[in-house]
PDB file of N, CA and C in Angstrom:
ATOM      1  N   MET A   1      33.733-196.549-135.549  1.00  0.00           N
ATOM      2  CA  MET A   1      33.589-196.428-134.120  1.00  0.00           C
ATOM      3  C   MET A   1      34.852-195.836-133.485  1.00  0.00           C
ATOM      4  N   THR A   2      36.019-196.235-133.958  1.00  0.00           N
ATOM      5  CA  THR A   2      37.272-195.758-133.387  1.00  0.00           C
ATOM      6  C   THR A   2      37.472-194.267-133.674  1.00  0.00           C
ATOM      7  N   VAL A   3      37.092-193.820-134.843  1.00  0.00           N
ATOM      8  CA  VAL A   3      37.239-192.409-135.195  1.00  0.00           C
ATOM      9  C   VAL A   3      36.328-191.547-134.311  1.00  0.00           C
ATOM     10  N   GLU A   4      35.105-192.010-134.103  1.00  0.00           N
ATOM     11  CA  GLU A   4      34.180-191.264-133.256  1.00  0.00           C
ATOM     12  C   GLU A   4      34.710-191.172-131.827  1.00  0.00           C
ATOM     13  N   LEU A   5      35.280-192.247-131.332  1.00  0.00           N
ATOM     14  CA  LEU A   5      35.839-192.252-129.983  1.00  0.00           C
ATOM     15  C   LEU A   5      37.054-191.332-129.905  1.00  0.00           C
ATOM     16  N   ALA A   6      37.893-191.353-130.930  1.00  0.00           N
ATOM     17  CA  ALA A   6      39.085-190.511-130.946  1.00  0.00           C
ATOM     18  C   ALA A   6      38.713-189.021-131.005  1.00  0.00           C
ATOM     19  N   LEU A   7      37.626-188.696-131.655  1.00  0.00           N
ATOM     20  CA  LEU A   7      37.188-187.307-131.727  1.00  0.00           C
ATOM     21  C   LEU A   7      36.352-186.892-130.516  1.00  0.00           C
ATOM     22  N   GLY A   8      35.587-187.829-129.985  1.00  0.00           N
ATOM     23  CA  GLY A   8      34.682-187.510-128.889  1.00  0.00           C
ATOM     24  C   GLY A   8      35.335-187.483-127.520  1.00  0.00           C
ATOM     25  N   LEU A   9      36.359-188.281-127.304  1.00  0.00           N
ATOM     26  CA  LEU A   9      36.983-188.364-125.988  1.00  0.00           C
ATOM     27  C   LEU A   9      37.634-187.049-125.549  1.00  0.00           C
ATOM     28  N   PRO A  10      38.388-186.348-126.395  1.00  0.00           N
ATOM     29  CA  PRO A  10      38.933-185.053-125.966  1.00  0.00           C
ATOM     30  C   PRO A  10      37.843-184.029-125.628  1.00  0.00           C
ATOM     31  N   VAL A  11      36.755-184.058-126.376  1.00  0.00           N
ATOM     32  CA  VAL A  11      35.643-183.151-126.090  1.00  0.00           C
ATOM     33  C   VAL A  11      35.039-183.471-124.727  1.00  0.00           C
ATOM     34  N   LEU A  12      34.887-184.736-124.418  1.00  0.00           N
ATOM     35  CA  LEU A  12      34.349-185.152-123.127  1.00  0.00           C
ATOM     36  C   LEU A  12      35.280-184.757-121.983  1.00  0.00           C
ATOM     37  N   VAL A  13      36.569-184.928-122.168  1.00  0.00           N
ATOM     38  CA  VAL A  13      37.548-184.543-121.147  1.00  0.00           C
ATOM     39  C   VAL A  13      37.512-183.029-120.928  1.00  0.00           C
ATOM     40  N   LEU A  14      37.422-182.262-121.997  1.00  0.00           N
ATOM     41  CA  LEU A  14      37.343-180.811-121.893  1.00  0.00           C
ATOM     42  C   LEU A  14      36.064-180.383-121.181  1.00  0.00           C
ATOM     43  N   LEU A  15      34.969-181.022-121.477  1.00  0.00           N
ATOM     44  CA  LEU A  15      33.703-180.717-120.821  1.00  0.00           C
ATOM     45  C   LEU A  15      33.771-180.997-119.319  1.00  0.00           C
ATOM     46  N   VAL A  16      34.366-182.112-118.942  1.00  0.00           N
ATOM     47  CA  VAL A  16      34.520-182.442-117.525  1.00  0.00           C
ATOM     48  C   VAL A  16      35.422-181.413-116.839  1.00  0.00           C
ATOM     49  N   ALA A  17      36.479-180.985-117.504  1.00  0.00           N
ATOM     50  CA  ALA A  17      37.377-179.972-116.930  1.00  0.00           C
ATOM     51  C   ALA A  17      36.636-178.654-116.711  1.00  0.00           C
ATOM     52  N   VAL A  18      35.820-178.252-117.651  1.00  0.00           N
ATOM     53  CA  VAL A  18      35.044-177.019-117.513  1.00  0.00           C
ATOM     54  C   VAL A  18      34.092-177.113-116.325  1.00  0.00           C
ATOM     55  N   VAL A  19      33.425-178.228-116.187  1.00  0.00           N
ATOM     56  CA  VAL A  19      32.494-178.420-115.074  1.00  0.00           C
ATOM     57  C   VAL A  19      33.236-178.383-113.742  1.00  0.00           C
ATOM     58  N   LEU A  20      34.383-179.040-113.650  1.00  0.00           N
ATOM     59  CA  LEU A  20      35.137-179.062-112.398  1.00  0.00           C
ATOM     60  C   LEU A  20      35.676-177.688-112.016  1.00  0.00           C
ATOM     61  N   VAL A  21      36.205-176.939-112.973  1.00  0.00           N
ATOM     62  CA  VAL A  21      36.724-175.603-112.683  1.00  0.00           C
ATOM     63  C   VAL A  21      35.590-174.665-112.290  1.00  0.00           C
ATOM     64  N   THR A  22      34.469-174.753-112.975  1.00  0.00           N
ATOM     65  CA  THR A  22      33.324-173.910-112.647  1.00  0.00           C
ATOM     66  C   THR A  22      32.798-174.223-111.253  1.00  0.00           C
ATOM     67  N   THR A  23      32.724-175.482-110.900  1.00  0.00           N
ATOM     68  CA  THR A  23      32.269-175.879-109.566  1.00  0.00           C
ATOM     69  C   THR A  23      33.234-175.395-108.498  1.00  0.00           C
ATOM     70  N   ALA A  24      34.525-175.548-108.730  1.00  0.00           N
ATOM     71  CA  ALA A  24      35.519-175.094-107.754  1.00  0.00           C
ATOM     72  C   ALA A  24      35.444-173.582-107.569  1.00  0.00           C
ATOM     73  N   ALA A  25      35.262-172.845-108.640  1.00  0.00           N
ATOM     74  CA  ALA A  25      35.158-171.386-108.542  1.00  0.00           C
ATOM     75  C   ALA A  25      33.892-170.980-107.791  1.00  0.00           C
ATOM     76  N   GLY A  26      32.795-171.662-108.050  1.00  0.00           N
ATOM     77  CA  GLY A  26      31.551-171.360-107.352  1.00  0.00           C
ATOM     78  C   GLY A  26      31.635-171.638-105.866  1.00  0.00           C
ATOM     79  N   LEU A  27      32.206-172.772-105.510  1.00  0.00           N
ATOM     80  CA  LEU A  27      32.364-173.102-104.090  1.00  0.00           C
ATOM     81  C   LEU A  27      33.340-172.145-103.405  1.00  0.00           C
ATOM     82  N   GLY A  28      34.385-171.755-104.111  1.00  0.00           N
ATOM     83  CA  GLY A  28      35.332-170.793-103.553  1.00  0.00           C
ATOM     84  C   GLY A  28      34.701-169.430-103.327  1.00  0.00           C
ATOM     85  N   THR A  29      33.835-169.023-104.237  1.00  0.00           N
ATOM     86  CA  THR A  29      33.129-167.754-104.080  1.00  0.00           C
ATOM     87  C   THR A  29      32.231-167.782-102.855  1.00  0.00           C
ATOM     88  N   LEU A  30      31.527-168.883-102.662  1.00  0.00           N
ATOM     89  CA  LEU A  30      30.676-169.017-101.474  1.00  0.00           C
ATOM     90  C   LEU A  30      31.506-169.002-100.197  1.00  0.00           C
ATOM     91  N   ARG A  31      32.644-169.661-100.225  1.00  0.00           N
ATOM     92  CA  ARG A  31      33.507-169.702 -99.044  1.00  0.00           C
ATOM     93  C   ARG A  31      34.063-168.311 -98.716  1.00  0.00           C
ATOM     94  N   CYS A  32      34.475-167.564 -99.731  1.00  0.00           N
ATOM     95  CA  CYS A  32      34.987-166.204 -99.494  1.00  0.00           C
ATOM     96  C   CYS A  32      33.891-165.290 -98.961  1.00  0.00           C
ATOM     97  N   ALA A  33      32.702-165.400 -99.512  1.00  0.00           N
ATOM     98  CA  ALA A  33      31.592-164.578 -99.026  1.00  0.00           C
ATOM     99  C   ALA A  33      31.240-164.935 -97.587  1.00  0.00           C
ATOM    100  N   ASP A  34      31.232-166.216 -97.260  1.00  0.00           N
ATOM    101  CA  ASP A  34      30.940-166.647 -95.895  1.00  0.00           C
ATOM    102  C   ASP A  34      32.033-166.178 -94.933  1.00  0.00           C
ATOM    103  N   ALA A  35      33.282-166.241 -95.362  1.00  0.00           N
ATOM    104  CA  ALA A  35      34.393-165.776 -94.521  1.00  0.00           C
ATOM    105  C   ALA A  35      34.297-164.269 -94.282  1.00  0.00           C
ATOM    106  N   ALA A  36      33.923-163.516 -95.313  1.00  0.00           N
ATOM    107  CA  ALA A  36      33.787-162.076 -95.160  1.00  0.00           C
ATOM    108  C   ALA A  36      32.642-161.738 -94.205  1.00  0.00           C
ATOM    109  N   ARG A  37      31.521-162.444 -94.303  1.00  0.00           N
ATOM    110  CA  ARG A  37      30.401-162.209 -93.387  1.00  0.00           C
ATOM    111  C   ARG A  37      30.778-162.544 -91.958  1.00  0.00           C
ATOM    112  N   THR A  38      31.466-163.653 -91.763  1.00  0.00           N
ATOM    113  CA  THR A  38      31.900-164.043 -90.422  1.00  0.00           C
ATOM    114  C   THR A  38      32.827-162.997 -89.832  1.00  0.00           C
ATOM    115  N   ALA A  39      33.796-162.560 -90.619  1.00  0.00           N
ATOM    116  CA  ALA A  39      34.753-161.555 -90.138  1.00  0.00           C
ATOM    117  C   ALA A  39      34.076-160.227 -89.856  1.00  0.00           C
ATOM    118  N   ALA A  40      33.101-159.849 -90.675  1.00  0.00           N
ATOM    119  CA  ALA A  40      32.386-158.589 -90.442  1.00  0.00           C
ATOM    120  C   ALA A  40      31.588-158.654 -89.139  1.00  0.00           C
ATOM    121  N   ARG A  41      31.004-159.815 -88.839  1.00  0.00           N
ATOM    122  CA  ARG A  41      30.295-159.965 -87.558  1.00  0.00           C
ATOM    123  C   ARG A  41      31.250-159.862 -86.388  1.00  0.00           C
ATOM    124  N   VAL A  42      32.429-160.471 -86.528  1.00  0.00           N
ATOM    125  CA  VAL A  42      33.438-160.386 -85.459  1.00  0.00           C
ATOM    126  C   VAL A  42      33.866-158.933 -85.265  1.00  0.00           C
ATOM    127  N   ALA A  43      34.057-158.213 -86.361  1.00  0.00           N
ATOM    128  CA  ALA A  43      34.443-156.810 -86.268  1.00  0.00           C
ATOM    129  C   ALA A  43      33.328-155.971 -85.652  1.00  0.00           C
ATOM    130  N   ALA A  44      32.080-156.298 -85.984  1.00  0.00           N
ATOM    131  CA  ALA A  44      30.942-155.552 -85.445  1.00  0.00           C
ATOM    132  C   ALA A  44      30.826-155.715 -83.937  1.00  0.00           C
ATOM    133  N   LEU A  45      31.349-156.803 -83.413  1.00  0.00           N
ATOM    134  CA  LEU A  45      31.323-157.029 -81.966  1.00  0.00           C
ATOM    135  C   LEU A  45      32.438-156.293 -81.245  1.00  0.00           C
ATOM    136  N   GLY A  46      33.272-155.564 -81.991  1.00  0.00           N
ATOM    137  CA  GLY A  46      34.309-154.749 -81.376  1.00  0.00           C
ATOM    138  C   GLY A  46      35.652-155.430 -81.228  1.00  0.00           C
ATOM    139  N   GLN A  47      35.880-156.526 -81.937  1.00  0.00           N
ATOM    140  CA  GLN A  47      37.156-157.228 -81.856  1.00  0.00           C
ATOM    141  C   GLN A  47      38.216-156.489 -82.673  1.00  0.00           C
ATOM    142  N   THR A  48      39.485-156.801 -82.414  1.00  0.00           N
ATOM    143  CA  THR A  48      40.592-156.157 -83.117  1.00  0.00           C
ATOM    144  C   THR A  48      40.703-156.693 -84.547  1.00  0.00           C
ATOM    145  N   ASP A  49      41.462-155.966 -85.364  1.00  0.00           N
ATOM    146  CA  ASP A  49      41.646-156.391 -86.755  1.00  0.00           C
ATOM    147  C   ASP A  49      42.357-157.736 -86.840  1.00  0.00           C
ATOM    148  N   VAL A  50      43.250-158.017 -85.917  1.00  0.00           N
ATOM    149  CA  VAL A  50      43.944-159.312 -85.909  1.00  0.00           C
ATOM    150  C   VAL A  50      42.938-160.437 -85.700  1.00  0.00           C
ATOM    151  N   GLN A  51      42.000-160.252 -84.793  1.00  0.00           N
ATOM    152  CA  GLN A  51      40.982-161.271 -84.546  1.00  0.00           C
ATOM    153  C   GLN A  51      40.028-161.399 -85.729  1.00  0.00           C
ATOM    154  N   VAL A  52      39.767-160.296 -86.403  1.00  0.00           N
ATOM    155  CA  VAL A  52      38.912-160.316 -87.586  1.00  0.00           C
ATOM    156  C   VAL A  52      39.571-161.132 -88.695  1.00  0.00           C
ATOM    157  N   VAL A  53      40.869-160.904 -88.916  1.00  0.00           N
ATOM    158  CA  VAL A  53      41.608-161.641 -89.946  1.00  0.00           C
ATOM    159  C   VAL A  53      41.666-163.129 -89.593  1.00  0.00           C
ATOM    160  N   GLU A  54      41.893-163.450 -88.337  1.00  0.00           N
ATOM    161  CA  GLU A  54      41.927-164.852 -87.912  1.00  0.00           C
ATOM    162  C   GLU A  54      40.588-165.539 -88.169  1.00  0.00           C
ATOM    163  N   ALA A  55      39.500-164.860 -87.880  1.00  0.00           N
ATOM    164  CA  ALA A  55      38.169-165.434 -88.102  1.00  0.00           C
ATOM    165  C   ALA A  55      37.933-165.696 -89.591  1.00  0.00           C
ATOM    166  N   ALA A  56      38.342-164.761 -90.431  1.00  0.00           N
ATOM    167  CA  ALA A  56      38.163-164.935 -91.876  1.00  0.00           C
ATOM    168  C   ALA A  56      38.996-166.099 -92.396  1.00  0.00           C
ATOM    169  N   ARG A  57      40.223-166.208 -91.920  1.00  0.00           N
ATOM    170  CA  ARG A  57      41.098-167.288 -92.394  1.00  0.00           C
ATOM    171  C   ARG A  57      40.658-168.646 -91.872  1.00  0.00           C
ATOM    172  N   ARG A  58      39.964-168.681 -90.740  1.00  0.00           N
ATOM    173  CA  ARG A  58      39.427-169.945 -90.241  1.00  0.00           C
ATOM    174  C   ARG A  58      38.393-170.503 -91.205  1.00  0.00           C
ATOM    175  N   VAL A  59      37.648-169.619 -91.853  1.00  0.00           N
ATOM    176  CA  VAL A  59      36.602-170.054 -92.777  1.00  0.00           C
ATOM    177  C   VAL A  59      37.149-170.235 -94.197  1.00  0.00           C
ATOM    178  N   ALA A  60      37.936-169.263 -94.667  1.00  0.00           N
ATOM    179  CA  ALA A  60      38.396-169.284 -96.063  1.00  0.00           C
ATOM    180  C   ALA A  60      39.676-170.065 -96.281  1.00  0.00           C
ATOM    181  N   GLY A  61      40.415-170.353 -95.222  1.00  0.00           N
ATOM    182  CA  GLY A  61      41.678-171.059 -95.360  1.00  0.00           C
ATOM    183  C   GLY A  61      42.849-170.146 -95.053  1.00  0.00           C
ATOM    184  N   PRO A  62      43.970-170.734 -94.663  1.00  0.00           N
ATOM    185  CA  PRO A  62      45.112-169.926 -94.232  1.00  0.00           C
ATOM    186  C   PRO A  62      45.771-169.111 -95.346  1.00  0.00           C
ATOM    187  N   ALA A  63      45.556-169.457 -96.596  1.00  0.00           N
ATOM    188  CA  ALA A  63      46.187-168.733 -97.702  1.00  0.00           C
ATOM    189  C   ALA A  63      45.369-167.523 -98.154  1.00  0.00           C
ATOM    190  N   ALA A  64      44.193-167.329 -97.581  1.00  0.00           N
ATOM    191  CA  ALA A  64      43.333-166.222 -97.998  1.00  0.00           C
ATOM    192  C   ALA A  64      43.931-164.879 -97.579  1.00  0.00           C
ATOM    193  N   ARG A  65      43.740-163.882 -98.432  1.00  0.00           N
ATOM    194  CA  ARG A  65      44.155-162.518 -98.111  1.00  0.00           C
ATOM    195  C   ARG A  65      42.927-161.782 -97.595  1.00  0.00           C
ATOM    196  N   VAL A  66      43.091-161.126 -96.456  1.00  0.00           N
ATOM    197  CA  VAL A  66      41.966-160.468 -95.801  1.00  0.00           C
ATOM    198  C   VAL A  66      42.295-158.994 -95.616  1.00  0.00           C
ATOM    199  N   GLY A  67      41.382-158.145 -96.025  1.00  0.00           N
ATOM    200  CA  GLY A  67      41.525-156.709 -95.827  1.00  0.00           C
ATOM    201  C   GLY A  67      40.396-156.195 -94.952  1.00  0.00           C
ATOM    202  N   VAL A  68      40.750-155.393 -93.958  1.00  0.00           N
ATOM    203  CA  VAL A  68      39.759-154.806 -93.056  1.00  0.00           C
ATOM    204  C   VAL A  68      39.871-153.294 -93.169  1.00  0.00           C
ATOM    205  N   ARG A  69      38.742-152.650 -93.436  1.00  0.00           N
ATOM    206  CA  ARG A  69      38.725-151.197 -93.552  1.00  0.00           C
ATOM    207  C   ARG A  69      37.618-150.645 -92.661  1.00  0.00           C
ATOM    208  N   ARG A  70      37.996-149.740 -91.791  1.00  0.00           N
ATOM    209  CA  ARG A  70      37.023-149.114 -90.893  1.00  0.00           C
ATOM    210  C   ARG A  70      36.815-147.674 -91.329  1.00  0.00           C
ATOM    211  N   ASP A  71      35.550-147.279 -91.391  1.00  0.00           N
ATOM    212  CA  ASP A  71      35.203-145.929 -91.817  1.00  0.00           C
ATOM    213  C   ASP A  71      34.036-145.448 -90.958  1.00  0.00           C
ATOM    214  N   GLY A  72      34.340-144.596 -90.010  1.00  0.00           N
ATOM    215  CA  GLY A  72      33.304-144.150 -89.086  1.00  0.00           C
ATOM    216  C   GLY A  72      32.851-145.326 -88.234  1.00  0.00           C
ATOM    217  N   GLY A  73      31.585-145.621 -88.255  1.00  0.00           N
ATOM    218  CA  GLY A  73      31.072-146.769 -87.512  1.00  0.00           C
ATOM    219  C   GLY A  73      30.979-148.030 -88.336  1.00  0.00           C
ATOM    220  N   TRP A  74      31.347-147.963 -89.594  1.00  0.00           N
ATOM    221  CA  TRP A  74      31.233-149.115 -90.487  1.00  0.00           C
ATOM    222  C   TRP A  74      32.566-149.839 -90.613  1.00  0.00           C
ATOM    223  N   VAL A  75      32.481-151.125 -90.806  1.00  0.00           N
ATOM    224  CA  VAL A  75      33.673-151.925 -91.082  1.00  0.00           C
ATOM    225  C   VAL A  75      33.388-152.775 -92.321  1.00  0.00           C
ATOM    226  N   GLU A  76      34.340-152.775 -93.244  1.00  0.00           N
ATOM    227  CA  GLU A  76      34.219-153.563 -94.468  1.00  0.00           C
ATOM    228  C   GLU A  76      35.346-154.583 -94.497  1.00  0.00           C
ATOM    229  N   VAL A  77      34.991-155.824 -94.770  1.00  0.00           N
ATOM    230  CA  VAL A  77      35.967-156.908 -94.835  1.00  0.00           C
ATOM    231  C   VAL A  77      35.950-157.478 -96.247  1.00  0.00           C
ATOM    232  N   GLU A  78      37.140-157.626 -96.823  1.00  0.00           N
ATOM    233  CA  GLU A  78      37.281-158.221 -98.150  1.00  0.00           C
ATOM    234  C   GLU A  78      38.195-159.431 -98.042  1.00  0.00           C
ATOM    235  N   VAL A  79      37.716-160.568 -98.513  1.00  0.00           N
ATOM    236  CA  VAL A  79      38.479-161.812 -98.468  1.00  0.00           C
ATOM    237  C   VAL A  79      38.734-162.258 -99.899  1.00  0.00           C
ATOM    238  N   THR A  80      40.005-162.497-100.221  1.00  0.00           N
ATOM    239  CA  THR A  80      40.395-162.943-101.559  1.00  0.00           C
ATOM    240  C   THR A  80      41.169-164.247-101.440  1.00  0.00           C
ATOM    241  N   ALA A  81      40.830-165.197-102.286  1.00  0.00           N
ATOM    242  CA  ALA A  81      41.516-166.489-102.302  1.00  0.00           C
ATOM    243  C   ALA A  81      41.694-166.930-103.754  1.00  0.00           C
ATOM    244  N   SER A  82      42.476-167.963-103.939  1.00  0.00           N
ATOM    245  CA  SER A  82      42.702-168.517-105.276  1.00  0.00           C
ATOM    246  C   SER A  82      41.925-169.812-105.426  1.00  0.00           C
ATOM    247  N   ALA A  83      41.322-169.955-106.591  1.00  0.00           N
ATOM    248  CA  ALA A  83      40.611-171.196-106.902  1.00  0.00           C
ATOM    249  C   ALA A  83      41.420-171.986-107.914  1.00  0.00           C
ATOM    250  N   VAL A  84      41.079-173.232-108.051  1.00  0.00           N
ATOM    251  CA  VAL A  84      41.757-174.110-108.991  1.00  0.00           C
ATOM    252  C   VAL A  84      41.585-173.564-110.399  1.00  0.00           C
ATOM    253  N   GLY A  85      42.623-173.594-111.162  1.00  0.00           N
ATOM    254  CA  GLY A  85      42.548-173.134-112.542  1.00  0.00           C
ATOM    255  C   GLY A  85      43.641-173.807-113.343  1.00  0.00           C
ATOM    256  N   GLY A  86      44.864-173.434-113.042  1.00  0.00           N
ATOM    257  CA  GLY A  86      46.015-174.061-113.676  1.00  0.00           C
ATOM    258  C   GLY A  86      46.082-173.804-115.161  1.00  0.00           C
ATOM    259  N   TRP A  87      46.435-174.819-115.907  1.00  0.00           N
ATOM    260  CA  TRP A  87      46.642-174.690-117.339  1.00  0.00           C
ATOM    261  C   TRP A  87      45.356-174.342-118.065  1.00  0.00           C
ATOM    262  N   PHE A  88      44.237-174.726-117.518  1.00  0.00           N
ATOM    263  CA  PHE A  88      42.956-174.551-118.203  1.00  0.00           C
ATOM    264  C   PHE A  88      42.550-173.079-118.283  1.00  0.00           C
ATOM    265  N   THR A  89      42.850-172.304-117.225  1.00  0.00           N
ATOM    266  CA  THR A  89      42.448-170.899-117.195  1.00  0.00           C
ATOM    267  C   THR A  89      43.636-169.956-117.323  1.00  0.00           C
ATOM    268  N   GLY A  90      44.820-170.476-117.504  1.00  0.00           N
ATOM    269  CA  GLY A  90      45.994-169.626-117.618  1.00  0.00           C
ATOM    270  C   GLY A  90      46.547-169.201-116.273  1.00  0.00           C
ATOM    271  N   GLY A  91      46.187-169.875-115.224  1.00  0.00           N
ATOM    272  CA  GLY A  91      46.637-169.559-113.874  1.00  0.00           C
ATOM    273  C   GLY A  91      45.482-169.675-112.896  1.00  0.00           C
ATOM    274  N   PRO A  92      45.779-169.508-111.626  1.00  0.00           N
ATOM    275  CA  PRO A  92      44.708-169.626-110.635  1.00  0.00           C
ATOM    276  C   PRO A  92      43.696-168.480-110.757  1.00  0.00           C
ATOM    277  N   LEU A  93      42.450-168.779-110.458  1.00  0.00           N
ATOM    278  CA  LEU A  93      41.400-167.772-110.486  1.00  0.00           C
ATOM    279  C   LEU A  93      41.353-167.050-109.144  1.00  0.00           C
ATOM    280  N   ALA A  94      41.318-165.746-109.159  1.00  0.00           N
ATOM    281  CA  ALA A  94      41.185-164.964-107.923  1.00  0.00           C
ATOM    282  C   ALA A  94      39.700-164.737-107.668  1.00  0.00           C
ATOM    283  N   ILE A  95      39.247-165.141-106.491  1.00  0.00           N
ATOM    284  CA  ILE A  95      37.843-164.951-106.128  1.00  0.00           C
ATOM    285  C   ILE A  95      37.778-164.106-104.874  1.00  0.00           C
ATOM    286  N   THR A  96      36.760-163.275-104.791  1.00  0.00           N
ATOM    287  CA  THR A  96      36.662-162.299-103.709  1.00  0.00           C
ATOM    288  C   THR A  96      35.259-162.288-103.125  1.00  0.00           C
ATOM    289  N   GLY A  97      35.206-162.087-101.816  1.00  0.00           N
ATOM    290  CA  GLY A  97      33.938-161.881-101.123  1.00  0.00           C
ATOM    291  C   GLY A  97      34.072-160.686-100.210  1.00  0.00           C
ATOM    292  N   THR A  98      33.046-159.860-100.137  1.00  0.00           N
ATOM    293  CA  THR A  98      33.077-158.686 -99.265  1.00  0.00           C
ATOM    294  C   THR A  98      31.822-158.655 -98.392  1.00  0.00           C
ATOM    295  N   ALA A  99      31.967-158.032 -97.246  1.00  0.00           N
ATOM    296  CA  ALA A  99      30.830-157.832 -96.344  1.00  0.00           C
ATOM    297  C   ALA A  99      31.062-156.553 -95.560  1.00  0.00           C
ATOM    298  N   THR A 100      29.970-155.885 -95.223  1.00  0.00           N
ATOM    299  CA  THR A 100      30.025-154.642 -94.464  1.00  0.00           C
ATOM    300  C   THR A 100      29.098-154.779 -93.263  1.00  0.00           C
ATOM    301  N   ALA A 101      29.550-154.237 -92.133  1.00  0.00           N
ATOM    302  CA  ALA A 101      28.735-154.293 -90.919  1.00  0.00           C
ATOM    303  C   ALA A 101      28.919-153.011 -90.123  1.00  0.00           C
ATOM    304  N   TRP A 102      27.912-152.704 -89.333  1.00  0.00           N
ATOM    305  CA  TRP A 102      27.983-151.563 -88.426  1.00  0.00           C
ATOM    306  C   TRP A 102      28.656-152.039 -87.149  1.00  0.00           C
ATOM    307  N   ALA A 103      29.738-151.378 -86.760  1.00  0.00           N
ATOM    308  CA  ALA A 103      30.504-151.778 -85.585  1.00  0.00           C
ATOM    309  C   ALA A 103      29.854-151.203 -84.325  1.00  0.00           C
ATOM    310  N   GLU A 104      29.625-152.059 -83.367  1.00  0.00           N
ATOM    311  CA  GLU A 104      29.067-151.626 -82.091  1.00  0.00           C
ATOM    312  C   GLU A 104      30.102-150.816 -81.330  1.00  0.00           C
ATOM    313  N   PRO A 105      29.685-149.739 -80.647  1.00  0.00           N
ATOM    314  CA  PRO A 105      30.653-148.940 -79.892  1.00  0.00           C
ATOM    315  C   PRO A 105      31.155-149.647 -78.647  1.00  0.00           C
TER     316      PRO A 105
END
């Protein structure tokens, strides 16, 4: 019984770590995508790039990197943030969400 526990416990801990990192990455991806959509809507309403970045960071968090690119009547917003990773993934995971919207004149 002790040998089975000694062999099985590290496997169980590793499995739990995989589940937690995967969940954190998935939730972070959803948050970045939601932040990009929110910022693209703000940009489509004719707000400045500073206001667009503020809107994205309100949703994704203050550490998120936000890029705004305007091309003709279109605006594209890209939000990048770090997810939990640490020793398990060799560093933090970079997750990105993008959204594009037609900017109102």
